[in-house]
Structure formats: C-alpha cells, structure tokens
Amino acid sequence: MCHIVVIGSGITGVTTAYELSQLGYQVTVIDKHLFPAMETSFANGGQLSACNAEVWNQKSTVLKGIKWMAKKDAPLLLNPSFDLHKYAWLVEFLGHIKHYESNTHDTVKLALMARERLFKIAEQEGIDFDLEKRGILHFYHSEQDYAVATQVNGVLNGGGLERYAVSPTEIKQIEPSLKGEYFGGFFCPGDATGDIHKFTTGLAKVTEKYGVKYLFGMEVVDVEHHAKGVNIKYHPSVENMETQAVAVEQIQADAVVVCGGVGSYQLANQLGDRVNVYPVKGYSITVQLDDEKSINGAPWVSLLDESAKIVTSRLGANRLRIAGTAEFNGYNRDIRSDRIQPLIGWVNQNFDISTEHCIPWAGLRPMMPNMMPVVRRGKRERVFYNTGHGHLGWTLSAATAVMISQEIATSHPV
C-alpha cells in the first residue's frame, strides 16, 4: 500500500488526510502540537464564505491600507520595520493586481466546490460543529462603500456566486438583532458558518477509523529523497520535550504533502521549493452568551461589516465569534489589547448583548501574494503542497484536499 505523510494537522492537513484515506492510501500526519487544529484552525471567524472570495489585490485596498497605517485601531496594520520577506511579499502582491478579476472568479468556483464537499463529509461522517446554514449578510455604512461593493458583487456573480443587494429594511429583516443604521447590503443565502476547531478535531477522529495515524508533538527537521521514496526525519517539538536530549527519528513514505500553514515557507525551502507564504495575523473574540438577554440579542445570521472589516458567527446557543483585522508583523502571535478592544467595542455598538466574558485569540493566516492557495507538486517528484489559503482556509480546504489527493493518485497510485 502506498504511504503518504502529511505535515500539519490544521484544516488543510486533516481534510487532505481524509481524502487520501478515502482513496485507499496509508496516511501518517505529523504535527508539532499535541492536538489537531491548534493554530490558525483554532478560533477563526467561522465563516464558510464564498462571498469573501474577492482577492485583496486591488488598488482601492492598497489605498485604504496606506490611509490606515496612521491609525492604531485600523482594520489593517503594517509594521514598517524592515523585513526582506515581508517587503518582497508586498511587492509581489502589487504585481498581482492585474489578475484581480480572474483570481476572484477562480476562488469563487473553488469555494462553491468546497462548500458542497464539506457539507457532504459532515453529514456522511456525523460531525457536529455548530453548523448554521443561514447565509452571510454584508452591510455598508456609506454610499461610497456601497458603490465599491456593487462592483465587487458583479465580479463575484461572474464567478457563479448567488449574492444579491438588500435594502436597509431588508437588512433588519434578515438579522433583527442589528441595532445600527446602514446604507445598504448584500446577502449570500448559500453560505454558512461553523466551528473550525470542532470540525477539524471531529474529522481527525473520523480519519483514525480509516487507518490514519497521527504523530503529535513532533517537528519535521529534514526530508531525504531516495529512489523509492522519502525519509522524513523528526524530533519532539518544544511543547513535547521532556529532556534536553532530543532523539531524531524517521519515517519512510512514498510521498509527502506539506499542509504546514505559515510554516510552509520554511518547509518548502528545505525541500528546494519557493512557496512565498507570509503570516498575516488576525484576531478574534468569543463572547460567552451567559444570560437570556444576550442569548436572545446575539445574531444568528453571519455578518460582515465592510467598514470595520469585522465578521460574526453564531456557534451554538451560547457563543458568538467576532473576528477581524489584518496585521503584517512577522510570526508574532501576541494578543494585543489595542487590537482586541475594537472588536469588543464593535459588538457593544451593534448589539444589545453583554461582553463581560470574552475569550481573545490571535492566529496567523498563511497568505500568498496572489491570495490563491498552493495546490501542486513540488520540483521533486515525491513532494506536494496544499497550503497558503490565507483568510479562506476554512472555506476552501474541502476542495483543495480533493484536488491534491487526485494529483497524488495520478503519479503515485495506491
């Protein structure tokens, strides 16, 4: 039986392991953490959002970013200190503005495929992850923002997405808990929300039934190629070290798939490839809805406030997830109070719920300069990549896992 090693047990790694197991492969997943979904797949915004498939490579986004640089609480924050990787990434990002429309169309198509596949897996395998199929509502505060959004909507529709304009009255009808005044909005009825961590850990348990093995608390240090396969060397990661003496072990496989999130940049370098993933930090808070007033006052329909770049997802009766911001600040995972406070303030401004109990979180989105995931072979025959999904890992992974599994099946049949 053909043996594939998957590096990373976030949403992309676990969905990849699942699809490979369904094709009959022997699969081993290696992750430096002690449990699956402990980094970017832990507490994201929760949206399964084809409606957010617009890539960021647009002149208006760049101009907004420059304007926001002077504001500490702005949705986008760029640390201006020199870092070669960061500035090379930004230059490459600007070079992809010309591909804005085609890349957005391709992302919409991927998202629609992924949505269908993820729903099917969840139903077939009985995974409970607080799924809500109530659509996603985008709302806008000004005529200018709404005019830009109308153009964007045309591009999204061009990719095959069902998303239509709604009036201020219809906004309140779709989500009665909103208490602000809005110029207009767009509604995508087919989109959904769910808890990415619950889904990923649930699917990981399912894959074990299909024979997938997990090596948790292990960090890959080298991959050696030989005529008949690869040797993957690993040792205990920092959080799994019991002694100072670290023993290096190895596992043999027919091929390796890198699903390493923001760590894919370094892993690809080791493997002789350039995968220009840069970490773009995002923040979230999970509001505990502890009283009846908050439970009744929190939204069930998923929302996106375009001016604040903030999204919401209802995760069961007692939790509301709020997420936003994009911070270019290297591999720093510190939770900054000045980035969390705008999320709390936004909740208080838009809903009649208590924010007394909020759990803050920060994660690093693995973002490519063209905003497209990397789903392909490496230069070496036995190396594959499924990574770089940026802010859409939850939305796209179910499709890219199928794609990379089929790619592997073509060159390394079971």
Protein backbone atom coordinates (compact mmCIF):
# COMPACT_ATOMS: atom_id res chain seq x y z
CA MET A 1 0.00 0.00 0.00
CA CYS A 2 1.26 3.49 -0.90
CA HIS A 3 2.18 5.52 2.21
CA ILE A 4 1.76 9.33 2.27
CA VAL A 5 2.95 11.61 5.07
CA VAL A 6 1.01 14.85 5.63
CA ILE A 7 2.82 17.63 7.51
CA GLY A 8 0.33 19.68 9.52
CA SER A 9 -2.98 18.83 11.23
CA GLY A 10 -4.90 22.04 10.69
CA ILE A 11 -7.99 22.11 8.49
CA THR A 12 -5.97 21.56 5.27
CA GLY A 13 -3.90 18.72 6.70
CA VAL A 14 -6.82 16.81 8.20
CA THR A 15 -9.06 17.19 5.13
CA THR A 16 -6.13 16.03 2.97
CA ALA A 17 -5.60 13.01 5.23
CA TYR A 18 -9.30 12.22 4.98
CA GLU A 19 -9.43 12.37 1.17
CA LEU A 20 -6.26 10.27 0.83
CA SER A 21 -7.69 7.67 3.23
CA GLN A 22 -10.85 7.51 1.11
CA LEU A 23 -8.71 6.69 -1.92
CA GLY A 24 -7.08 3.80 -0.04
CA TYR A 25 -3.74 5.32 0.97
CA GLN A 26 -1.89 4.61 4.19
CA VAL A 27 -1.57 8.07 5.78
CA THR A 28 0.52 9.46 8.63
CA VAL A 29 0.06 13.05 9.83
CA ILE A 30 2.89 14.81 11.67
CA ASP A 31 2.24 17.95 13.73
CA LYS A 32 4.37 19.85 16.24
CA HIS A 33 1.39 20.45 18.52
CA LEU A 34 -0.09 17.87 20.87
CA PHE A 35 -3.57 18.10 19.30
CA PRO A 36 -5.03 18.90 15.86
CA ALA A 37 -6.17 22.39 14.83
CA MET A 38 -4.15 24.32 17.43
CA GLU A 39 -3.01 27.24 15.27
CA THR A 40 -4.97 29.09 12.56
CA SER A 41 -7.70 26.43 12.68
CA PHE A 42 -8.42 27.09 16.36
CA ALA A 43 -10.66 30.16 16.61
CA ASN A 44 -11.11 31.89 13.26
CA GLY A 45 -14.14 33.93 12.16
CA GLY A 46 -16.18 30.80 11.50
CA GLN A 47 -17.46 31.79 8.05
CA LEU A 48 -17.70 29.27 5.21
CA SER A 49 -17.80 32.22 2.90
CA ALA A 50 -17.77 32.04 -0.87
CA CYS A 51 -18.94 35.66 -0.61
CA ASN A 52 -15.48 36.59 0.76
CA ALA A 53 -13.70 35.08 -2.23
CA GLU A 54 -12.63 38.51 -3.52
CA VAL A 55 -8.82 38.59 -3.53
CA TRP A 56 -7.22 41.61 -1.82
CA ASN A 57 -5.06 42.60 -4.82
CA GLN A 58 -6.98 45.74 -5.70
CA LYS A 59 -5.90 49.40 -5.90
CA SER A 60 -8.66 50.52 -3.53
CA THR A 61 -7.45 48.03 -0.89
CA VAL A 62 -3.87 49.31 -1.21
CA LEU A 63 -5.01 52.94 -0.87
CA LYS A 64 -7.09 52.07 2.21
CA GLY A 65 -4.10 50.27 3.69
CA ILE A 66 -1.87 53.33 3.26
CA LYS A 67 -4.53 55.53 4.90
CA TRP A 68 -4.95 53.09 7.79
CA MET A 69 -1.21 52.96 8.59
CA ALA A 70 -1.56 56.06 10.78
CA LYS A 71 -4.38 54.53 12.89
CA LYS A 72 -3.60 52.11 15.71
CA ASP A 73 -7.07 50.55 15.68
CA ALA A 74 -7.33 50.31 11.87
CA PRO A 75 -8.50 47.02 10.30
CA LEU A 76 -5.09 46.69 8.61
CA LEU A 77 -1.79 47.27 10.38
CA LEU A 78 1.66 47.11 8.79
CA ASN A 79 4.73 47.10 10.99
CA PRO A 80 7.08 49.33 8.94
CA SER A 81 10.29 47.79 10.37
CA PHE A 82 12.43 46.27 7.64
CA ASP A 83 11.99 42.59 6.89
CA LEU A 84 13.10 41.28 3.50
CA HIS A 85 10.45 38.55 3.33
CA LYS A 86 7.64 40.99 4.17
CA TYR A 87 8.60 43.67 1.64
CA ALA A 88 9.36 41.16 -1.12
CA TRP A 89 5.91 39.68 -0.46
CA LEU A 90 4.26 43.12 -0.66
CA VAL A 91 5.97 43.91 -3.98
CA GLU A 92 4.76 40.59 -5.37
CA PHE A 93 1.27 41.32 -4.01
CA LEU A 94 1.15 44.57 -6.03
CA GLY A 95 2.20 42.67 -9.14
CA HIS A 96 -0.95 40.56 -8.96
CA ILE A 97 -3.40 43.49 -9.10
CA LYS A 98 -3.75 42.80 -12.83
CA HIS A 99 -5.09 39.30 -12.03
CA TYR A 100 -7.70 40.54 -9.55
CA GLU A 101 -10.80 39.56 -11.51
CA SER A 102 -9.65 36.15 -12.81
CA ASN A 103 -8.27 35.13 -9.40
CA THR A 104 -11.52 36.18 -7.70
CA HIS A 105 -13.55 34.12 -10.21
CA ASP A 106 -11.33 31.07 -9.60
CA THR A 107 -11.62 31.46 -5.82
CA VAL A 108 -15.43 31.64 -6.01
CA LYS A 109 -15.53 28.41 -8.01
CA LEU A 110 -13.22 26.69 -5.50
CA ALA A 111 -15.33 27.93 -2.58
CA LEU A 112 -18.55 26.60 -4.09
CA MET A 113 -16.96 23.19 -4.69
CA ALA A 114 -15.58 23.16 -1.14
CA ARG A 115 -18.91 24.14 0.41
CA GLU A 116 -20.67 21.20 -1.23
CA ARG A 117 -17.91 18.76 -0.28
CA LEU A 118 -17.68 19.89 3.35
CA PHE A 119 -21.44 19.63 3.89
CA LYS A 120 -21.35 16.12 2.41
CA ILE A 121 -18.46 14.99 4.65
CA ALA A 122 -20.11 16.42 7.78
CA GLU A 123 -23.39 14.65 7.03
CA GLN A 124 -21.81 11.37 5.96
CA GLU A 125 -19.46 11.18 8.97
CA GLY A 126 -21.84 12.68 11.55
CA ILE A 127 -19.60 15.59 12.59
CA ASP A 128 -21.19 18.17 14.89
CA PHE A 129 -19.53 21.57 14.52
CA ASP A 130 -22.31 24.09 15.21
CA LEU A 131 -23.14 24.39 11.51
CA GLU A 132 -25.61 27.16 10.64
CA LYS A 133 -26.83 27.39 7.04
CA ARG A 134 -28.37 30.86 7.34
CA GLY A 135 -26.33 32.74 4.74
CA ILE A 136 -23.93 35.67 5.18
CA LEU A 137 -25.03 39.31 5.22
CA HIS A 138 -22.61 42.13 4.29
CA PHE A 139 -23.63 45.64 5.28
CA TYR A 140 -22.27 49.08 4.41
CA HIS A 141 -22.43 52.44 6.19
CA SER A 142 -21.83 54.85 3.30
CA GLU A 143 -22.86 55.35 -0.30
CA GLN A 144 -19.21 55.30 -1.36
CA ASP A 145 -18.52 51.89 0.25
CA TYR A 146 -21.75 50.52 -1.20
CA ALA A 147 -20.82 51.69 -4.70
CA VAL A 148 -17.47 49.83 -4.48
CA ALA A 149 -19.30 46.77 -3.11
CA THR A 150 -21.69 46.81 -6.06
CA GLN A 151 -18.75 46.48 -8.45
CA VAL A 152 -17.27 43.68 -6.34
CA ASN A 153 -20.63 41.91 -6.33
CA GLY A 154 -20.62 41.90 -10.12
CA VAL A 155 -17.22 40.15 -10.08
CA LEU A 156 -18.45 37.58 -7.53
CA ASN A 157 -21.61 36.93 -9.55
CA GLY A 158 -19.36 36.49 -12.60
CA GLY A 159 -17.68 33.61 -10.78
CA GLY A 160 -21.03 31.90 -10.27
CA LEU A 161 -21.98 33.11 -6.79
CA GLU A 162 -25.59 33.79 -5.83
CA ARG A 163 -25.41 37.10 -3.92
CA TYR A 164 -27.86 39.98 -4.20
CA ALA A 165 -28.46 43.52 -2.95
CA VAL A 166 -30.64 44.17 0.10
CA SER A 167 -32.10 47.44 1.41
CA PRO A 168 -31.67 48.80 4.99
CA THR A 169 -35.16 47.47 5.78
CA GLU A 170 -34.29 44.02 4.43
CA ILE A 171 -31.04 44.01 6.46
CA LYS A 172 -33.09 44.33 9.66
CA GLN A 173 -35.49 41.64 8.45
CA ILE A 174 -32.66 39.22 7.72
CA GLU A 175 -30.96 39.88 11.09
CA PRO A 176 -33.29 41.65 13.57
CA SER A 177 -30.63 41.85 16.31
CA LEU A 178 -28.70 44.60 14.44
CA LYS A 179 -29.33 47.99 16.07
CA GLY A 180 -27.30 50.35 13.83
CA GLU A 181 -28.25 52.35 10.73
CA TYR A 182 -26.89 51.09 7.42
CA PHE A 183 -26.87 52.40 3.84
CA GLY A 184 -27.37 49.01 2.20
CA GLY A 185 -26.09 45.47 1.97
CA PHE A 186 -25.61 42.25 0.04
CA PHE A 187 -26.83 38.80 1.06
CA CYS A 188 -25.39 35.41 0.11
CA PRO A 189 -28.01 32.80 1.10
CA GLY A 190 -25.90 29.71 0.33
CA ASP A 191 -23.02 30.49 2.70
CA ALA A 192 -22.76 29.12 6.22
CA THR A 193 -20.83 29.19 9.50
CA GLY A 194 -19.36 26.64 11.87
CA ASP A 195 -16.68 25.96 14.44
CA ILE A 196 -13.48 25.11 12.52
CA HIS A 197 -11.81 23.59 15.58
CA LYS A 198 -14.74 21.28 16.33
CA PHE A 199 -14.93 20.20 12.68
CA THR A 200 -11.18 19.56 12.35
CA THR A 201 -10.86 17.61 15.60
CA GLY A 202 -14.03 15.69 14.75
CA LEU A 203 -12.74 14.81 11.29
CA ALA A 204 -9.36 13.80 12.72
CA LYS A 205 -11.15 11.21 14.91
CA VAL A 206 -13.06 10.00 11.84
CA THR A 207 -9.82 9.56 9.86
CA GLU A 208 -8.39 7.34 12.61
CA LYS A 209 -11.26 4.92 11.88
CA TYR A 210 -9.95 4.80 8.30
CA GLY A 211 -6.43 3.97 9.47
CA VAL A 212 -4.81 7.44 9.52
CA LYS A 213 -2.06 7.66 12.16
CA TYR A 214 -1.06 10.89 13.92
CA LEU A 215 2.36 11.78 15.31
CA PHE A 216 1.59 14.73 17.58
CA GLY A 217 4.20 16.83 19.34
CA MET A 218 6.72 16.12 16.58
CA GLU A 219 8.57 18.60 14.39
CA VAL A 220 9.90 17.73 10.93
CA VAL A 221 13.60 18.58 10.65
CA ASP A 222 14.57 17.05 7.31
CA VAL A 223 13.23 15.18 4.29
CA GLU A 224 15.65 12.90 2.41
CA HIS A 225 14.83 11.68 -1.08
CA HIS A 226 15.86 8.32 -2.46
CA ALA A 227 14.97 6.18 -5.47
CA LYS A 228 11.90 4.56 -3.91
CA GLY A 229 10.54 7.27 -1.62
CA VAL A 230 11.33 9.79 1.10
CA ASN A 231 12.66 9.58 4.65
CA ILE A 232 11.06 12.17 6.91
CA LYS A 233 13.16 12.95 10.00
CA TYR A 234 11.51 14.42 13.06
CA HIS A 235 12.06 15.01 16.76
CA PRO A 236 9.89 16.12 19.69
CA SER A 237 8.76 19.73 19.40
CA VAL A 238 9.32 22.29 22.16
CA GLU A 239 5.96 21.60 23.79
CA ASN A 240 6.66 17.85 23.82
CA MET A 241 10.24 17.85 25.13
CA GLU A 242 10.76 16.01 28.39
CA THR A 243 14.55 16.04 28.40
CA GLN A 244 17.38 18.07 26.92
CA ALA A 245 18.49 15.08 24.84
CA VAL A 246 16.33 15.10 21.70
CA ALA A 247 16.30 11.86 19.70
CA VAL A 248 15.76 12.21 15.95
CA GLU A 249 13.51 9.54 14.46
CA GLN A 250 12.46 8.90 10.90
CA ILE A 251 9.56 7.53 8.93
CA GLN A 252 9.61 6.23 5.37
CA ALA A 253 6.93 7.17 2.85
CA ASP A 254 6.22 7.20 -0.86
CA ALA A 255 5.42 10.94 -0.86
CA VAL A 256 4.93 13.93 1.43
CA VAL A 257 2.26 16.66 1.41
CA VAL A 258 3.07 19.99 3.04
CA CYS A 259 0.00 21.44 4.79
CA GLY A 260 2.04 23.47 7.24
CA GLY A 261 0.22 26.81 7.30
CA VAL A 262 2.64 29.68 7.93
CA GLY A 263 5.41 27.12 8.48
CA SER A 264 5.14 26.08 4.82
CA TYR A 265 7.57 28.82 3.77
CA GLN A 266 10.43 27.26 5.75
CA LEU A 267 9.42 23.67 4.91
CA ALA A 268 9.36 24.49 1.19
CA ASN A 269 12.86 25.99 1.42
CA GLN A 270 14.10 22.72 2.94
CA LEU A 271 12.51 20.83 0.04
CA GLY A 272 14.01 23.02 -2.68
CA ASP A 273 10.81 24.97 -3.48
CA ARG A 274 9.68 28.56 -3.09
CA VAL A 275 6.24 28.86 -1.51
CA ASN A 276 6.01 32.51 -0.60
CA VAL A 277 3.60 32.26 2.34
CA TYR A 278 3.62 35.26 4.69
CA PRO A 279 1.89 35.25 8.11
CA VAL A 280 -0.93 37.82 8.30
CA LYS A 281 -2.23 37.98 11.84
CA GLY A 282 -5.93 38.07 12.61
CA TYR A 283 -7.72 38.42 15.94
CA SER A 284 -10.96 37.04 17.31
CA ILE A 285 -13.02 37.15 20.45
CA THR A 286 -15.53 34.53 21.53
CA VAL A 287 -18.31 36.16 23.53
CA GLN A 288 -19.86 33.83 26.08
CA LEU A 289 -23.62 34.36 25.96
CA ASP A 290 -24.32 33.66 29.62
CA ASP A 291 -27.65 35.41 30.17
CA GLU A 292 -31.02 35.19 28.46
CA LYS A 293 -30.85 38.77 27.16
CA SER A 294 -27.52 38.10 25.40
CA ILE A 295 -28.68 34.75 24.01
CA ASN A 296 -31.73 36.44 22.51
CA GLY A 297 -29.85 39.57 21.42
CA ALA A 298 -26.97 37.93 19.54
CA PRO A 299 -27.22 37.43 15.76
CA TRP A 300 -27.78 34.03 14.17
CA VAL A 301 -27.13 35.17 10.59
CA SER A 302 -23.41 35.60 9.90
CA LEU A 303 -22.39 39.22 9.29
CA LEU A 304 -19.60 41.26 7.73
CA ASP A 305 -19.26 44.98 8.43
CA GLU A 306 -17.31 46.27 5.45
CA SER A 307 -16.06 49.50 7.02
CA ALA A 308 -14.67 47.75 10.12
CA LYS A 309 -13.71 44.52 8.28
CA ILE A 310 -15.29 42.54 11.12
CA VAL A 311 -17.22 39.26 10.80
CA THR A 312 -19.51 37.34 13.17
CA SER A 313 -20.56 33.71 13.52
CA ARG A 314 -23.02 32.20 15.97
CA LEU A 315 -21.52 29.00 17.37
CA GLY A 316 -24.44 27.30 19.05
CA ALA A 317 -26.77 28.96 21.54
CA ASN A 318 -24.09 30.22 23.92
CA ARG A 319 -21.19 31.53 21.82
CA LEU A 320 -20.71 34.40 19.39
CA ARG A 321 -17.43 34.61 17.46
CA ILE A 322 -16.24 38.03 16.24
CA ALA A 323 -13.09 38.29 14.12
CA GLY A 324 -11.20 40.81 12.07
CA THR A 325 -8.04 42.81 11.40
CA ALA A 326 -5.02 42.01 9.27
CA GLU A 327 -1.62 42.64 10.79
CA PHE A 328 1.69 42.35 8.92
CA ASN A 329 4.03 41.79 11.84
CA GLY A 330 6.00 38.61 11.15
CA TYR A 331 5.46 35.42 13.13
CA ASN A 332 4.36 37.26 16.27
CA ARG A 333 1.30 35.64 17.89
CA ASP A 334 0.97 38.04 20.83
CA ILE A 335 -2.59 39.06 21.68
CA ARG A 336 -2.59 42.86 21.78
CA SER A 337 -5.29 44.57 23.83
CA ASP A 338 -5.38 47.54 21.44
CA ARG A 339 -6.37 45.13 18.64
CA ILE A 340 -8.93 43.23 20.74
CA GLN A 341 -10.68 46.32 22.11
CA PRO A 342 -12.09 47.44 18.71
CA LEU A 343 -13.77 44.03 18.36
CA ILE A 344 -15.41 44.38 21.79
CA GLY A 345 -16.41 47.98 21.04
CA TRP A 346 -17.94 46.93 17.73
CA VAL A 347 -20.11 44.32 19.46
CA ASN A 348 -21.35 46.85 22.01
CA GLN A 349 -22.14 49.32 19.22
CA ASN A 350 -24.14 46.90 17.06
CA PHE A 351 -25.90 44.53 19.51
CA ASP A 352 -27.64 44.55 22.84
CA ILE A 353 -25.56 41.81 24.49
CA SER A 354 -23.11 41.56 27.37
CA THR A 355 -19.39 41.45 26.53
CA GLU A 356 -18.39 40.76 30.13
CA HIS A 357 -16.99 37.31 29.25
CA CYS A 358 -14.84 37.36 26.09
CA ILE A 359 -12.06 34.95 25.15
CA PRO A 360 -9.42 36.67 22.94
CA TRP A 361 -7.31 34.84 20.35
CA ALA A 362 -4.79 35.62 17.61
CA GLY A 363 -3.78 33.45 14.67
CA LEU A 364 -1.57 33.72 11.59
CA ARG A 365 -3.17 33.40 8.17
CA PRO A 366 -0.83 31.66 5.66
CA MET A 367 -1.16 34.15 2.81
CA MET A 368 0.28 34.03 -0.70
CA PRO A 369 0.92 37.28 -2.64
CA ASN A 370 -1.72 36.37 -5.25
CA MET A 371 -4.19 35.31 -2.48
CA MET A 372 -4.53 31.87 -4.09
CA PRO A 373 -3.83 28.56 -2.35
CA VAL A 374 -0.83 26.50 -3.45
CA VAL A 375 -2.16 23.12 -4.61
CA ARG A 376 0.53 21.47 -6.70
CA ARG A 377 3.58 19.25 -6.94
CA GLY A 378 6.98 20.47 -5.83
CA LYS A 379 10.10 20.39 -8.00
CA ARG A 380 10.92 16.97 -6.62
CA GLU A 381 8.76 14.08 -7.72
CA ARG A 382 7.51 12.99 -4.29
CA VAL A 383 6.70 16.41 -2.79
CA PHE A 384 3.25 18.04 -2.87
CA TYR A 385 1.72 21.21 -1.40
CA ASN A 386 -1.73 22.09 -0.13
CA THR A 387 -1.18 25.34 1.72
CA GLY A 388 -1.30 29.15 1.54
CA HIS A 389 -5.09 29.51 1.83
CA GLY A 390 -4.86 32.88 3.63
CA HIS A 391 -8.14 34.02 5.17
CA LEU A 392 -10.08 31.28 3.34
CA GLY A 393 -8.64 28.04 4.73
CA TRP A 394 -11.96 27.08 6.33
CA THR A 395 -13.79 27.99 3.13
CA LEU A 396 -11.53 26.28 0.56
CA SER A 397 -9.88 23.28 2.24
CA ALA A 398 -12.52 20.68 1.42
CA ALA A 399 -11.95 21.36 -2.31
CA THR A 400 -8.16 21.67 -2.30
CA ALA A 401 -7.88 18.41 -0.33
CA VAL A 402 -9.71 16.60 -3.14
CA MET A 403 -7.53 18.30 -5.76
CA ILE A 404 -4.17 17.42 -4.17
CA SER A 405 -5.32 13.85 -3.44
CA GLN A 406 -6.22 13.36 -7.09
CA GLU A 407 -2.85 14.83 -8.11
CA ILE A 408 -1.09 12.31 -5.86
CA ALA A 409 -3.23 9.46 -7.20
CA THR A 410 -2.14 10.31 -10.76
CA SER A 411 1.59 9.96 -10.05
CA HIS A 412 1.60 7.56 -7.08
CA PRO A 413 -1.33 5.15 -7.47
CA VAL A 414 -2.43 3.13 -4.44
